[in-house]
Structure formats: C-alpha cells, structure tokens
C-alpha cells in the first residue's frame, strides 16, 4: 500500500533511532514529508500549544529520558503547570519523538500500522 498525504511533517532529532525508522518507512512507501529537527530549527510557542491541546501534555513529555532526569526539580514542576510551554521551548528534547503531523492528525512515536489506518480513514 502506498501512502500519499497532502501534508506530512516529522518532528524530532536526527540521531533518534525511532525518527530514523519513521523517515526510512516514509521514503520506502513514497510518502513525501518534511523533517523538522528540534535541534536545528526553533519551535514556536503556538506549535507547542497546539501539541499540548491535541496530543496532551502527559503523552507529549518523555519522563523516562535523559533530558527529564537531568532537568532541575523546579523545571520538572513547571512542566506540570502553566509554564510548561516555556520549558519545552528551552528543552525540546523533553518531548517524545517523533511527533508526526499528517494533515490534522498528530501521532507521538512511530507505528506504521497507525499511519496506514489514518490513510484509510481519510479516504
């Protein structure tokens, strides 16, 4: 099955294994996509607010990662409060990756079967 979408953006970092797996899958399945590297490009407050609204903060934050473990306690507390956008702008690798945006759908992590399901629903 060849996946075709109007707009697909993959947000992550270049050295992330799951991001590389997603990029490989998109390329092998003929899906055109834009790759947005958190470390090379600056996220906006609006983008993070959309993700928090659509995805949810609990699903978005990687509390098992190195960035979270190295974050001072006061910043970990802020992530759970209203200042979470500021912390995520400063430490974008706190977010799980990849974040995949397919038109109006958002996914966290990579699962080819879920992407195929989105394509079927759109038909």
PDB file of N, CA and C in Angstrom:
ATOM      1  N   UNK A   1       0.843  -1.182   0.000  1.00  0.00           N
ATOM      2  CA  UNK A   1       0.000   0.000   0.000  1.00  0.00           C
ATOM      3  C   UNK A   1       0.885   1.242   0.000  1.00  0.00           C
ATOM      4  N   UNK A   2       0.684   2.113  -0.905  1.00  0.00           N
ATOM      5  CA  UNK A   2       1.462   3.337  -0.990  1.00  0.00           C
ATOM      6  C   UNK A   2       0.714   4.452  -0.276  1.00  0.00           C
ATOM      7  N   UNK A   3       1.372   5.092   0.674  1.00  0.00           N
ATOM      8  CA  UNK A   3       0.756   6.157   1.451  1.00  0.00           C
ATOM      9  C   UNK A   3       0.969   7.469   0.724  1.00  0.00           C
ATOM     10  N   UNK A   4      -0.108   8.208   0.551  1.00  0.00           N
ATOM     11  CA  UNK A   4       0.002   9.543  -0.012  1.00  0.00           C
ATOM     12  C   UNK A   4      -0.788  10.481   0.875  1.00  0.00           C
ATOM     13  N   UNK A   5      -0.192  11.582   1.227  1.00  0.00           N
ATOM     14  CA  UNK A   5      -0.866  12.558   2.063  1.00  0.00           C
ATOM     15  C   UNK A   5      -0.659  13.936   1.485  1.00  0.00           C
ATOM     16  N   UNK A   6      -1.525  14.838   1.892  1.00  0.00           N
ATOM     17  CA  UNK A   6      -1.375  16.213   1.451  1.00  0.00           C
ATOM     18  C   UNK A   6      -0.195  16.881   2.141  1.00  0.00           C
ATOM     19  N   UNK A   7      -0.075  16.620   3.450  1.00  0.00           N
ATOM     20  CA  UNK A   7       0.996  17.258   4.181  1.00  0.00           C
ATOM     21  C   UNK A   7       1.413  16.378   5.356  1.00  0.00           C
ATOM     22  N   UNK A   8       2.665  15.999   5.386  1.00  0.00           N
ATOM     23  CA  UNK A   8       3.199  15.199   6.474  1.00  0.00           C
ATOM     24  C   UNK A   8       4.470  15.866   6.969  1.00  0.00           C
ATOM     25  N   UNK A   9       4.520  16.082   8.275  1.00  0.00           N
ATOM     26  CA  UNK A   9       5.718  16.640   8.881  1.00  0.00           C
ATOM     27  C   UNK A   9       6.151  15.719  10.008  1.00  0.00           C
ATOM     28  N   UNK A  10       7.417  15.428  10.034  1.00  0.00           N
ATOM     29  CA  UNK A  10       8.020  14.594  11.060  1.00  0.00           C
ATOM     30  C   UNK A  10       8.898  15.501  11.913  1.00  0.00           C
ATOM     31  N   UNK A  11       8.560  15.620  13.199  1.00  0.00           N
ATOM     32  CA  UNK A  11       9.317  16.443  14.134  1.00  0.00           C
ATOM     33  C   UNK A  11      10.153  15.533  15.017  1.00  0.00           C
ATOM     34  N   UNK A  12      11.427  15.839  15.169  1.00  0.00           N
ATOM     35  CA  UNK A  12      12.278  15.013  16.010  1.00  0.00           C
ATOM     36  C   UNK A  12      13.708  15.503  15.978  1.00  0.00           C
ATOM     37  N   UNK A  13      14.632  14.569  16.194  1.00  0.00           N
ATOM     38  CA  UNK A  13      16.052  14.884  16.101  1.00  0.00           C
ATOM     39  C   UNK A  13      16.719  13.836  15.215  1.00  0.00           C
ATOM     40  N   UNK A  14      17.754  14.259  14.526  1.00  0.00           N
ATOM     41  CA  UNK A  14      18.397  13.408  13.517  1.00  0.00           C
ATOM     42  C   UNK A  14      18.974  12.117  14.072  1.00  0.00           C
ATOM     43  N   UNK A  15      19.492  12.140  15.291  1.00  0.00           N
ATOM     44  CA  UNK A  15      20.134  10.941  15.818  1.00  0.00           C
ATOM     45  C   UNK A  15      19.186  10.024  16.598  1.00  0.00           C
ATOM     46  N   UNK A  16      17.898  10.281  16.546  1.00  0.00           N
ATOM     47  CA  UNK A  16      16.905   9.440  17.220  1.00  0.00           C
ATOM     48  C   UNK A  16      16.603   8.211  16.350  1.00  0.00           C
ATOM     49  N   UNK A  17      16.756   7.014  16.926  1.00  0.00           N
ATOM     50  CA  UNK A  17      16.516   5.775  16.175  1.00  0.00           C
ATOM     51  C   UNK A  17      15.088   5.689  15.654  1.00  0.00           C
ATOM     52  N   UNK A  18      14.118   6.076  16.461  1.00  0.00           N
ATOM     53  CA  UNK A  18      12.719   5.991  16.033  1.00  0.00           C
ATOM     54  C   UNK A  18      12.431   6.992  14.918  1.00  0.00           C
ATOM     55  N   UNK A  19      13.045   8.165  14.985  1.00  0.00           N
ATOM     56  CA  UNK A  19      12.889   9.150  13.905  1.00  0.00           C
ATOM     57  C   UNK A  19      13.484   8.621  12.607  1.00  0.00           C
ATOM     58  N   UNK A  20      14.645   7.992  12.716  1.00  0.00           N
ATOM     59  CA  UNK A  20      15.280   7.410  11.516  1.00  0.00           C
ATOM     60  C   UNK A  20      14.418   6.300  10.931  1.00  0.00           C
ATOM     61  N   UNK A  21      13.808   5.491  11.799  1.00  0.00           N
ATOM     62  CA  UNK A  21      12.940   4.414  11.327  1.00  0.00           C
ATOM     63  C   UNK A  21      11.718   4.990  10.595  1.00  0.00           C
ATOM     64  N   UNK A  22      11.149   6.043  11.147  1.00  0.00           N
ATOM     65  CA  UNK A  22       9.988   6.676  10.514  1.00  0.00           C
ATOM     66  C   UNK A  22      10.368   7.282   9.164  1.00  0.00           C
ATOM     67  N   UNK A  23      11.507   7.973   9.113  1.00  0.00           N
ATOM     68  CA  UNK A  23      11.951   8.564   7.853  1.00  0.00           C
ATOM     69  C   UNK A  23      12.168   7.487   6.792  1.00  0.00           C
ATOM     70  N   UNK A  24      12.780   6.383   7.198  1.00  0.00           N
ATOM     71  CA  UNK A  24      13.019   5.279   6.268  1.00  0.00           C
ATOM     72  C   UNK A  24      11.694   4.719   5.752  1.00  0.00           C
ATOM     73  N   UNK A  25      10.729   4.519   6.655  1.00  0.00           N
ATOM     74  CA  UNK A  25       9.428   3.978   6.255  1.00  0.00           C
ATOM     75  C   UNK A  25       8.720   4.921   5.278  1.00  0.00           C
ATOM     76  N   UNK A  26       8.714   6.217   5.581  1.00  0.00           N
ATOM     77  CA  UNK A  26       8.079   7.185   4.683  1.00  0.00           C
ATOM     78  C   UNK A  26       8.732   7.156   3.302  1.00  0.00           C
ATOM     79  N   UNK A  27      10.060   7.118   3.266  1.00  0.00           N
ATOM     80  CA  UNK A  27      10.767   7.073   1.984  1.00  0.00           C
ATOM     81  C   UNK A  27      10.446   5.795   1.221  1.00  0.00           C
ATOM     82  N   UNK A  28      10.453   4.652   1.902  1.00  0.00           N
ATOM     83  CA  UNK A  28      10.172   3.377   1.239  1.00  0.00           C
ATOM     84  C   UNK A  28       8.733   3.283   0.741  1.00  0.00           C
ATOM     85  N   UNK A  29       7.815   4.011   1.361  1.00  0.00           N
ATOM     86  CA  UNK A  29       6.409   3.963   0.978  1.00  0.00           C
ATOM     87  C   UNK A  29       5.983   5.159   0.130  1.00  0.00           C
ATOM     88  N   UNK A  30       6.953   5.921  -0.340  1.00  0.00           N
ATOM     89  CA  UNK A  30       6.669   7.010  -1.266  1.00  0.00           C
ATOM     90  C   UNK A  30       5.936   8.186  -0.651  1.00  0.00           C
ATOM     91  N   UNK A  31       6.041   8.364   0.643  1.00  0.00           N
ATOM     92  CA  UNK A  31       5.369   9.482   1.303  1.00  0.00           C
ATOM     93  C   UNK A  31       6.300  10.680   1.360  1.00  0.00           C
ATOM     94  N   UNK A  32       5.858  11.768   0.779  1.00  0.00           N
ATOM     95  CA  UNK A  32       6.638  12.999   0.867  1.00  0.00           C
ATOM     96  C   UNK A  32       6.408  13.601   2.246  1.00  0.00           C
ATOM     97  N   UNK A  33       7.488  14.041   2.863  1.00  0.00           N
ATOM     98  CA  UNK A  33       7.376  14.615   4.197  1.00  0.00           C
ATOM     99  C   UNK A  33       8.464  15.656   4.406  1.00  0.00           C
ATOM    100  N   UNK A  34       8.206  16.533   5.347  1.00  0.00           N
ATOM    101  CA  UNK A  34       9.206  17.494   5.789  1.00  0.00           C
ATOM    102  C   UNK A  34       9.737  16.998   7.127  1.00  0.00           C
ATOM    103  N   UNK A  35      11.036  17.117   7.329  1.00  0.00           N
ATOM    104  CA  UNK A  35      11.628  16.756   8.606  1.00  0.00           C
ATOM    105  C   UNK A  35      12.024  18.031   9.326  1.00  0.00           C
ATOM    106  N   UNK A  36      11.526  18.187  10.538  1.00  0.00           N
ATOM    107  CA  UNK A  36      11.813  19.351  11.367  1.00  0.00           C
ATOM    108  C   UNK A  36      12.662  18.878  12.538  1.00  0.00           C
ATOM    109  N   UNK A  37      13.934  19.253  12.532  1.00  0.00           N
ATOM    110  CA  UNK A  37      14.865  18.837  13.582  1.00  0.00           C
ATOM    111  C   UNK A  37      14.795  19.835  14.736  1.00  0.00           C
ATOM    112  N   UNK A  38      14.404  19.341  15.930  1.00  0.00           N
ATOM    113  CA  UNK A  38      14.299  20.187  17.122  1.00  0.00           C
ATOM    114  C   UNK A  38      15.600  20.923  17.425  1.00  0.00           C
ATOM    115  N   UNK A  39      16.713  20.297  17.130  1.00  0.00           N
ATOM    116  CA  UNK A  39      17.997  20.894  17.489  1.00  0.00           C
ATOM    117  C   UNK A  39      18.466  21.932  16.472  1.00  0.00           C
ATOM    118  N   UNK A  40      18.015  21.836  15.245  1.00  0.00           N
ATOM    119  CA  UNK A  40      18.465  22.755  14.200  1.00  0.00           C
ATOM    120  C   UNK A  40      17.458  23.855  13.903  1.00  0.00           C
ATOM    121  N   UNK A  41      16.202  23.624  14.226  1.00  0.00           N
ATOM    122  CA  UNK A  41      15.138  24.591  13.954  1.00  0.00           C
ATOM    123  C   UNK A  41      14.455  24.964  15.263  1.00  0.00           C
ATOM    124  N   UNK A  42      13.950  26.163  15.314  1.00  0.00           N
ATOM    125  CA  UNK A  42      13.319  26.633  16.538  1.00  0.00           C
ATOM    126  C   UNK A  42      11.810  26.403  16.483  1.00  0.00           C
ATOM    127  N   UNK A  43      11.312  25.710  17.496  1.00  0.00           N
ATOM    128  CA  UNK A  43       9.874  25.527  17.629  1.00  0.00           C
ATOM    129  C   UNK A  43       9.243  26.837  18.082  1.00  0.00           C
ATOM    130  N   UNK A  44       7.955  26.984  17.799  1.00  0.00           N
ATOM    131  CA  UNK A  44       7.248  28.182  18.239  1.00  0.00           C
ATOM    132  C   UNK A  44       6.339  27.845  19.419  1.00  0.00           C
ATOM    133  N   UNK A  45       5.999  28.868  20.153  1.00  0.00           N
ATOM    134  CA  UNK A  45       5.077  28.709  21.274  1.00  0.00           C
ATOM    135  C   UNK A  45       3.732  28.193  20.776  1.00  0.00           C
ATOM    136  N   UNK A  46       3.286  28.711  19.654  1.00  0.00           N
ATOM    137  CA  UNK A  46       1.993  28.292  19.094  1.00  0.00           C
ATOM    138  C   UNK A  46       2.008  26.807  18.754  1.00  0.00           C
ATOM    139  N   UNK A  47       3.097  26.319  18.146  1.00  0.00           N
ATOM    140  CA  UNK A  47       3.181  24.905  17.783  1.00  0.00           C
ATOM    141  C   UNK A  47       3.095  24.016  19.017  1.00  0.00           C
ATOM    142  N   UNK A  48       3.835  24.368  20.051  1.00  0.00           N
ATOM    143  CA  UNK A  48       3.811  23.560  21.267  1.00  0.00           C
ATOM    144  C   UNK A  48       2.432  23.608  21.922  1.00  0.00           C
ATOM    145  N   UNK A  49       1.786  24.765  21.911  1.00  0.00           N
ATOM    146  CA  UNK A  49       0.438  24.875  22.472  1.00  0.00           C
ATOM    147  C   UNK A  49      -0.547  23.985  21.712  1.00  0.00           C
ATOM    148  N   UNK A  50      -0.399  23.919  20.394  1.00  0.00           N
ATOM    149  CA  UNK A  50      -1.257  23.041  19.584  1.00  0.00           C
ATOM    150  C   UNK A  50      -1.025  21.588  19.982  1.00  0.00           C
ATOM    151  N   UNK A  51       0.229  21.186  20.132  1.00  0.00           N
ATOM    152  CA  UNK A  51       0.530  19.801  20.513  1.00  0.00           C
ATOM    153  C   UNK A  51      -0.031  19.470  21.884  1.00  0.00           C
ATOM    154  N   UNK A  52       0.118  20.389  22.833  1.00  0.00           N
ATOM    155  CA  UNK A  52      -0.428  20.144  24.167  1.00  0.00           C
ATOM    156  C   UNK A  52      -1.936  19.984  24.091  1.00  0.00           C
ATOM    157  N   UNK A  53      -2.583  20.810  23.284  1.00  0.00           N
ATOM    158  CA  UNK A  53      -4.038  20.747  23.131  1.00  0.00           C
ATOM    159  C   UNK A  53      -4.482  19.469  22.428  1.00  0.00           C
ATOM    160  N   UNK A  54      -3.829  19.119  21.332  1.00  0.00           N
ATOM    161  CA  UNK A  54      -4.249  17.981  20.503  1.00  0.00           C
ATOM    162  C   UNK A  54      -3.742  16.634  21.021  1.00  0.00           C
ATOM    163  N   UNK A  55      -2.517  16.615  21.564  1.00  0.00           N
ATOM    164  CA  UNK A  55      -1.891  15.361  21.979  1.00  0.00           C
ATOM    165  C   UNK A  55      -2.054  15.138  23.483  1.00  0.00           C
ATOM    166  N   UNK A  56      -1.924  16.208  24.237  1.00  0.00           N
ATOM    167  CA  UNK A  56      -1.967  16.115  25.693  1.00  0.00           C
ATOM    168  C   UNK A  56      -0.564  16.127  26.266  1.00  0.00           C
ATOM    169  N   UNK A  57      -0.402  16.850  27.346  1.00  0.00           N
ATOM    170  CA  UNK A  57       0.921  17.017  27.944  1.00  0.00           C
ATOM    171  C   UNK A  57       1.503  15.693  28.421  1.00  0.00           C
ATOM    172  N   UNK A  58       0.678  14.852  29.044  1.00  0.00           N
ATOM    173  CA  UNK A  58       1.198  13.585  29.565  1.00  0.00           C
ATOM    174  C   UNK A  58       1.741  12.685  28.467  1.00  0.00           C
ATOM    175  N   UNK A  59       1.093  12.670  27.322  1.00  0.00           N
ATOM    176  CA  UNK A  59       1.571  11.842  26.218  1.00  0.00           C
ATOM    177  C   UNK A  59       2.767  12.483  25.513  1.00  0.00           C
ATOM    178  N   UNK A  60       2.868  13.790  25.589  1.00  0.00           N
ATOM    179  CA  UNK A  60       3.914  14.520  24.880  1.00  0.00           C
ATOM    180  C   UNK A  60       5.267  14.470  25.595  1.00  0.00           C
ATOM    181  N   UNK A  61       5.264  14.467  26.914  1.00  0.00           N
ATOM    182  CA  UNK A  61       6.501  14.552  27.692  1.00  0.00           C
ATOM    183  C   UNK A  61       7.122  13.169  27.887  1.00  0.00           C
ATOM    184  N   UNK A  62       8.426  13.088  27.656  1.00  0.00           N
ATOM    185  CA  UNK A  62       9.180  11.861  27.878  1.00  0.00           C
ATOM    186  C   UNK A  62       9.820  11.935  29.263  1.00  0.00           C
ATOM    187  N   UNK A  63       9.126  11.384  30.242  1.00  0.00           N
ATOM    188  CA  UNK A  63       9.614  11.442  31.624  1.00  0.00           C
ATOM    189  C   UNK A  63      10.634  10.335  31.934  1.00  0.00           C
ATOM    190  N   UNK A  64      10.936   9.495  30.956  1.00  0.00           N
ATOM    191  CA  UNK A  64      11.935   8.443  31.162  1.00  0.00           C
ATOM    192  C   UNK A  64      13.270   8.776  30.506  1.00  0.00           C
ATOM    193  N   UNK A  65      13.336   9.880  29.794  1.00  0.00           N
ATOM    194  CA  UNK A  65      14.535  10.220  29.043  1.00  0.00           C
ATOM    195  C   UNK A  65      15.586  10.951  29.858  1.00  0.00           C
ATOM    196  N   UNK A  66      16.753  11.049  29.281  1.00  0.00           N
ATOM    197  CA  UNK A  66      17.891  11.709  29.914  1.00  0.00           C
ATOM    198  C   UNK A  66      17.607  13.180  30.179  1.00  0.00           C
ATOM    199  N   UNK A  67      16.975  13.857  29.238  1.00  0.00           N
ATOM    200  CA  UNK A  67      16.702  15.285  29.413  1.00  0.00           C
ATOM    201  C   UNK A  67      15.846  15.506  30.654  1.00  0.00           C
ATOM    202  N   UNK A  68      14.811  14.683  30.852  1.00  0.00           N
ATOM    203  CA  UNK A  68      13.943  14.809  32.028  1.00  0.00           C
ATOM    204  C   UNK A  68      14.726  14.536  33.313  1.00  0.00           C
ATOM    205  N   UNK A  69      15.513  13.484  33.307  1.00  0.00           N
ATOM    206  CA  UNK A  69      16.273  13.121  34.513  1.00  0.00           C
ATOM    207  C   UNK A  69      17.289  14.195  34.895  1.00  0.00           C
ATOM    208  N   UNK A  70      17.828  14.902  33.901  1.00  0.00           N
ATOM    209  CA  UNK A  70      18.817  15.949  34.163  1.00  0.00           C
ATOM    210  C   UNK A  70      18.190  17.316  34.429  1.00  0.00           C
ATOM    211  N   UNK A  71      16.888  17.432  34.295  1.00  0.00           N
ATOM    212  CA  UNK A  71      16.189  18.696  34.486  1.00  0.00           C
ATOM    213  C   UNK A  71      16.067  18.995  35.983  1.00  0.00           C
ATOM    214  N   UNK A  72      16.398  20.209  36.399  1.00  0.00           N
ATOM    215  CA  UNK A  72      16.243  20.553  37.819  1.00  0.00           C
ATOM    216  C   UNK A  72      14.786  20.369  38.276  1.00  0.00           C
ATOM    217  N   UNK A  73      14.614  20.053  39.549  1.00  0.00           N
ATOM    218  CA  UNK A  73      13.285  19.786  40.107  1.00  0.00           C
ATOM    219  C   UNK A  73      12.300  20.924  39.859  1.00  0.00           C
ATOM    220  N   UNK A  74      12.758  22.167  39.982  1.00  0.00           N
ATOM    221  CA  UNK A  74      11.829  23.293  39.786  1.00  0.00           C
ATOM    222  C   UNK A  74      11.318  23.356  38.345  1.00  0.00           C
ATOM    223  N   UNK A  75      12.151  22.969  37.376  1.00  0.00           N
ATOM    224  CA  UNK A  75      11.685  22.950  35.977  1.00  0.00           C
ATOM    225  C   UNK A  75      10.761  21.755  35.733  1.00  0.00           C
ATOM    226  N   UNK A  76      11.027  20.626  36.373  1.00  0.00           N
ATOM    227  CA  UNK A  76      10.107  19.492  36.262  1.00  0.00           C
ATOM    228  C   UNK A  76       8.736  19.881  36.799  1.00  0.00           C
ATOM    229  N   UNK A  77       8.715  20.641  37.894  1.00  0.00           N
ATOM    230  CA  UNK A  77       7.443  21.112  38.450  1.00  0.00           C
ATOM    231  C   UNK A  77       6.738  22.061  37.484  1.00  0.00           C
ATOM    232  N   UNK A  78       7.497  22.918  36.804  1.00  0.00           N
ATOM    233  CA  UNK A  78       6.902  23.872  35.861  1.00  0.00           C
ATOM    234  C   UNK A  78       6.251  23.172  34.679  1.00  0.00           C
ATOM    235  N   UNK A  79       6.807  22.048  34.264  1.00  0.00           N
ATOM    236  CA  UNK A  79       6.247  21.325  33.122  1.00  0.00           C
ATOM    237  C   UNK A  79       4.806  20.918  33.416  1.00  0.00           C
ATOM    238  N   UNK A  80       4.501  20.633  34.656  1.00  0.00           N
ATOM    239  CA  UNK A  80       3.158  20.218  35.035  1.00  0.00           C
ATOM    240  C   UNK A  80       2.224  21.405  35.272  1.00  0.00           C
ATOM    241  N   UNK A  81       2.765  22.596  35.210  1.00  0.00           N
ATOM    242  CA  UNK A  81       1.959  23.799  35.467  1.00  0.00           C
ATOM    243  C   UNK A  81       1.839  24.620  34.194  1.00  0.00           C
ATOM    244  N   UNK A  82       1.354  25.820  34.327  1.00  0.00           N
ATOM    245  CA  UNK A  82       1.060  26.666  33.174  1.00  0.00           C
ATOM    246  C   UNK A  82       2.294  27.128  32.406  1.00  0.00           C
ATOM    247  N   UNK A  83       3.478  27.023  32.990  1.00  0.00           N
ATOM    248  CA  UNK A  83       4.682  27.492  32.302  1.00  0.00           C
ATOM    249  C   UNK A  83       5.344  26.383  31.494  1.00  0.00           C
ATOM    250  N   UNK A  84       4.620  25.317  31.209  1.00  0.00           N
ATOM    251  CA  UNK A  84       5.203  24.175  30.513  1.00  0.00           C
ATOM    252  C   UNK A  84       5.693  24.516  29.113  1.00  0.00           C
ATOM    253  N   UNK A  85       5.044  25.438  28.424  1.00  0.00           N
ATOM    254  CA  UNK A  85       5.458  25.792  27.063  1.00  0.00           C
ATOM    255  C   UNK A  85       6.862  26.383  27.080  1.00  0.00           C
ATOM    256  N   UNK A  86       7.137  27.240  28.049  1.00  0.00           N
ATOM    257  CA  UNK A  86       8.470  27.851  28.137  1.00  0.00           C
ATOM    258  C   UNK A  86       9.557  26.797  28.336  1.00  0.00           C
ATOM    259  N   UNK A  87       9.281  25.818  29.190  1.00  0.00           N
ATOM    260  CA  UNK A  87      10.263  24.761  29.448  1.00  0.00           C
ATOM    261  C   UNK A  87      10.473  23.932  28.185  1.00  0.00           C
ATOM    262  N   UNK A  88       9.391  23.610  27.471  1.00  0.00           N
ATOM    263  CA  UNK A  88       9.517  22.813  26.245  1.00  0.00           C
ATOM    264  C   UNK A  88      10.231  23.578  25.138  1.00  0.00           C
ATOM    265  N   UNK A  89      10.054  24.887  25.088  1.00  0.00           N
ATOM    266  CA  UNK A  89      10.794  25.687  24.117  1.00  0.00           C
ATOM    267  C   UNK A  89      12.294  25.659  24.421  1.00  0.00           C
ATOM    268  N   UNK A  90      12.627  25.690  25.695  1.00  0.00           N
ATOM    269  CA  UNK A  90      14.032  25.678  26.094  1.00  0.00           C
ATOM    270  C   UNK A  90      14.661  24.288  25.975  1.00  0.00           C
ATOM    271  N   UNK A  91      13.852  23.244  26.246  1.00  0.00           N
ATOM    272  CA  UNK A  91      14.337  21.861  26.223  1.00  0.00           C
ATOM    273  C   UNK A  91      13.419  21.001  25.337  1.00  0.00           C
ATOM    274  N   UNK A  92      13.464  21.179  24.026  1.00  0.00           N
ATOM    275  CA  UNK A  92      12.535  20.448  23.151  1.00  0.00           C
ATOM    276  C   UNK A  92      12.726  18.932  23.169  1.00  0.00           C
ATOM    277  N   UNK A  93      13.913  18.472  23.590  1.00  0.00           N
ATOM    278  CA  UNK A  93      14.106  17.022  23.638  1.00  0.00           C
ATOM    279  C   UNK A  93      13.400  16.387  24.835  1.00  0.00           C
ATOM    280  N   UNK A  94      12.679  17.186  25.615  1.00  0.00           N
ATOM    281  CA  UNK A  94      11.796  16.634  26.656  1.00  0.00           C
ATOM    282  C   UNK A  94      10.599  15.922  26.031  1.00  0.00           C
ATOM    283  N   UNK A  95      10.311  16.268  24.775  1.00  0.00           N
ATOM    284  CA  UNK A  95       9.151  15.683  24.106  1.00  0.00           C
ATOM    285  C   UNK A  95       9.499  14.328  23.501  1.00  0.00           C
ATOM    286  N   UNK A  96       8.532  13.429  23.550  1.00  0.00           N
ATOM    287  CA  UNK A  96       8.703  12.129  22.899  1.00  0.00           C
ATOM    288  C   UNK A  96       8.833  12.363  21.410  1.00  0.00           C
ATOM    289  N   UNK A  97       9.506  11.430  20.741  1.00  0.00           N
ATOM    290  CA  UNK A  97       9.704  11.591  19.306  1.00  0.00           C
ATOM    291  C   UNK A  97       9.564  10.259  18.596  1.00  0.00           C
ATOM    292  N   UNK A  98       9.271  10.375  17.336  1.00  0.00           N
ATOM    293  CA  UNK A  98       8.930  11.591  16.617  1.00  0.00           C
ATOM    294  C   UNK A  98       7.495  12.022  16.908  1.00  0.00           C
ATOM    295  N   UNK A  99       7.237  13.271  16.613  1.00  0.00           N
ATOM    296  CA  UNK A  99       5.865  13.767  16.554  1.00  0.00           C
ATOM    297  C   UNK A  99       5.566  13.843  15.068  1.00  0.00           C
ATOM    298  N   UNK A 100       4.531  13.150  14.669  1.00  0.00           N
ATOM    299  CA  UNK A 100       4.189  13.086  13.247  1.00  0.00           C
ATOM    300  C   UNK A 100       2.862  13.804  13.044  1.00  0.00           C
ATOM    301  N   UNK A 101       2.884  14.764  12.142  1.00  0.00           N
ATOM    302  CA  UNK A 101       1.682  15.514  11.801  1.00  0.00           C
ATOM    303  C   UNK A 101       1.290  15.139  10.376  1.00  0.00           C
ATOM    304  N   UNK A 102       0.117  14.541  10.241  1.00  0.00           N
ATOM    305  CA  UNK A 102      -0.419  14.181   8.930  1.00  0.00           C
ATOM    306  C   UNK A 102      -1.734  14.924   8.786  1.00  0.00           C
ATOM    307  N   UNK A 103      -1.708  15.966   7.986  1.00  0.00           N
ATOM    308  CA  UNK A 103      -2.853  16.867   7.858  1.00  0.00           C
ATOM    309  C   UNK A 103      -3.266  17.344   9.248  1.00  0.00           C
ATOM    310  N   UNK A 104      -4.419  16.938   9.749  1.00  0.00           N
ATOM    311  CA  UNK A 104      -4.893  17.381  11.067  1.00  0.00           C
ATOM    312  C   UNK A 104      -4.704  16.328  12.149  1.00  0.00           C
ATOM    313  N   UNK A 105      -3.998  15.252  11.846  1.00  0.00           N
ATOM    314  CA  UNK A 105      -3.765  14.174  12.806  1.00  0.00           C
ATOM    315  C   UNK A 105      -2.363  14.296  13.393  1.00  0.00           C
ATOM    316  N   UNK A 106      -2.253  13.987  14.684  1.00  0.00           N
ATOM    317  CA  UNK A 106      -0.961  14.029  15.357  1.00  0.00           C
ATOM    318  C   UNK A 106      -0.703  12.681  16.008  1.00  0.00           C
ATOM    319  N   UNK A 107       0.506  12.171  15.824  1.00  0.00           N
ATOM    320  CA  UNK A 107       0.938  10.917  16.435  1.00  0.00           C
ATOM    321  C   UNK A 107       2.233  11.168  17.188  1.00  0.00           C
ATOM    322  N   UNK A 108       2.408  10.475  18.293  1.00  0.00           N
ATOM    323  CA  UNK A 108       3.667  10.531  19.023  1.00  0.00           C
ATOM    324  C   UNK A 108       4.267   9.145  18.961  1.00  0.00           C
ATOM    325  N   UNK A 109       5.509   9.071  18.511  1.00  0.00           N
ATOM    326  CA  UNK A 109       6.139   7.780  18.283  1.00  0.00           C
ATOM    327  C   UNK A 109       5.880   7.334  16.863  1.00  0.00           C
ATOM    328  N   UNK A 110       6.368   6.172  16.510  1.00  0.00           N
ATOM    329  CA  UNK A 110       6.180   5.693  15.144  1.00  0.00           C
ATOM    330  C   UNK A 110       5.592   4.297  15.160  1.00  0.00           C
ATOM    331  N   UNK A 111       4.493   4.146  14.436  1.00  0.00           N
ATOM    332  CA  UNK A 111       3.842   2.856  14.250  1.00  0.00           C
ATOM    333  C   UNK A 111       3.240   2.868  12.847  1.00  0.00           C
ATOM    334  N   UNK A 112       3.846   2.122  11.944  1.00  0.00           N
ATOM    335  CA  UNK A 112       3.408   2.113  10.543  1.00  0.00           C
ATOM    336  C   UNK A 112       1.941   1.739  10.408  1.00  0.00           C
ATOM    337  N   UNK A 113       1.450   0.815  11.224  1.00  0.00           N
ATOM    338  CA  UNK A 113       0.050   0.395  11.105  1.00  0.00           C
ATOM    339  C   UNK A 113      -0.906   1.534  11.451  1.00  0.00           C
ATOM    340  N   UNK A 114      -0.527   2.386  12.401  1.00  0.00           N
ATOM    341  CA  UNK A 114      -1.378   3.529  12.752  1.00  0.00           C
ATOM    342  C   UNK A 114      -1.415   4.528  11.604  1.00  0.00           C
ATOM    343  N   UNK A 115      -0.279   4.766  10.988  1.00  0.00           N
ATOM    344  CA  UNK A 115      -0.227   5.688   9.849  1.00  0.00           C
ATOM    345  C   UNK A 115      -1.095   5.161   8.714  1.00  0.00           C
ATOM    346  N   UNK A 116      -1.052   3.859   8.472  1.00  0.00           N
ATOM    347  CA  UNK A 116      -1.901   3.271   7.432  1.00  0.00           C
ATOM    348  C   UNK A 116      -3.373   3.455   7.779  1.00  0.00           C
ATOM    349  N   UNK A 117      -3.729   3.304   9.053  1.00  0.00           N
ATOM    350  CA  UNK A 117      -5.127   3.487   9.484  1.00  0.00           C
ATOM    351  C   UNK A 117      -5.594   4.920   9.236  1.00  0.00           C
ATOM    352  N   UNK A 118      -4.742   5.882   9.484  1.00  0.00           N
ATOM    353  CA  UNK A 118      -5.100   7.293   9.223  1.00  0.00           C
ATOM    354  C   UNK A 118      -5.384   7.481   7.745  1.00  0.00           C
ATOM    355  N   UNK A 119      -4.563   6.884   6.905  1.00  0.00           N
ATOM    356  CA  UNK A 119      -4.764   6.999   5.466  1.00  0.00           C
ATOM    357  C   UNK A 119      -6.105   6.388   5.044  1.00  0.00           C
ATOM    358  N   UNK A 120      -6.447   5.261   5.631  1.00  0.00           N
ATOM    359  CA  UNK A 120      -7.718   4.610   5.306  1.00  0.00           C
ATOM    360  C   UNK A 120      -8.886   5.482   5.748  1.00  0.00           C
ATOM    361  N   UNK A 121      -8.805   6.054   6.942  1.00  0.00           N
ATOM    362  CA  UNK A 121      -9.873   6.915   7.449  1.00  0.00           C
ATOM    363  C   UNK A 121     -10.075   8.137   6.584  1.00  0.00           C
ATOM    364  N   UNK A 122      -9.013   8.654   5.995  1.00  0.00           N
ATOM    365  CA  UNK A 122      -9.102   9.853   5.171  1.00  0.00           C
ATOM    366  C   UNK A 122      -9.757   9.596   3.822  1.00  0.00           C
ATOM    367  N   UNK A 123      -9.810   8.348   3.397  1.00  0.00           N
ATOM    368  CA  UNK A 123     -10.352   8.025   2.064  1.00  0.00           C
ATOM    369  C   UNK A 123     -11.853   8.134   2.042  1.00  0.00           C
TER     370      UNK A 123
END
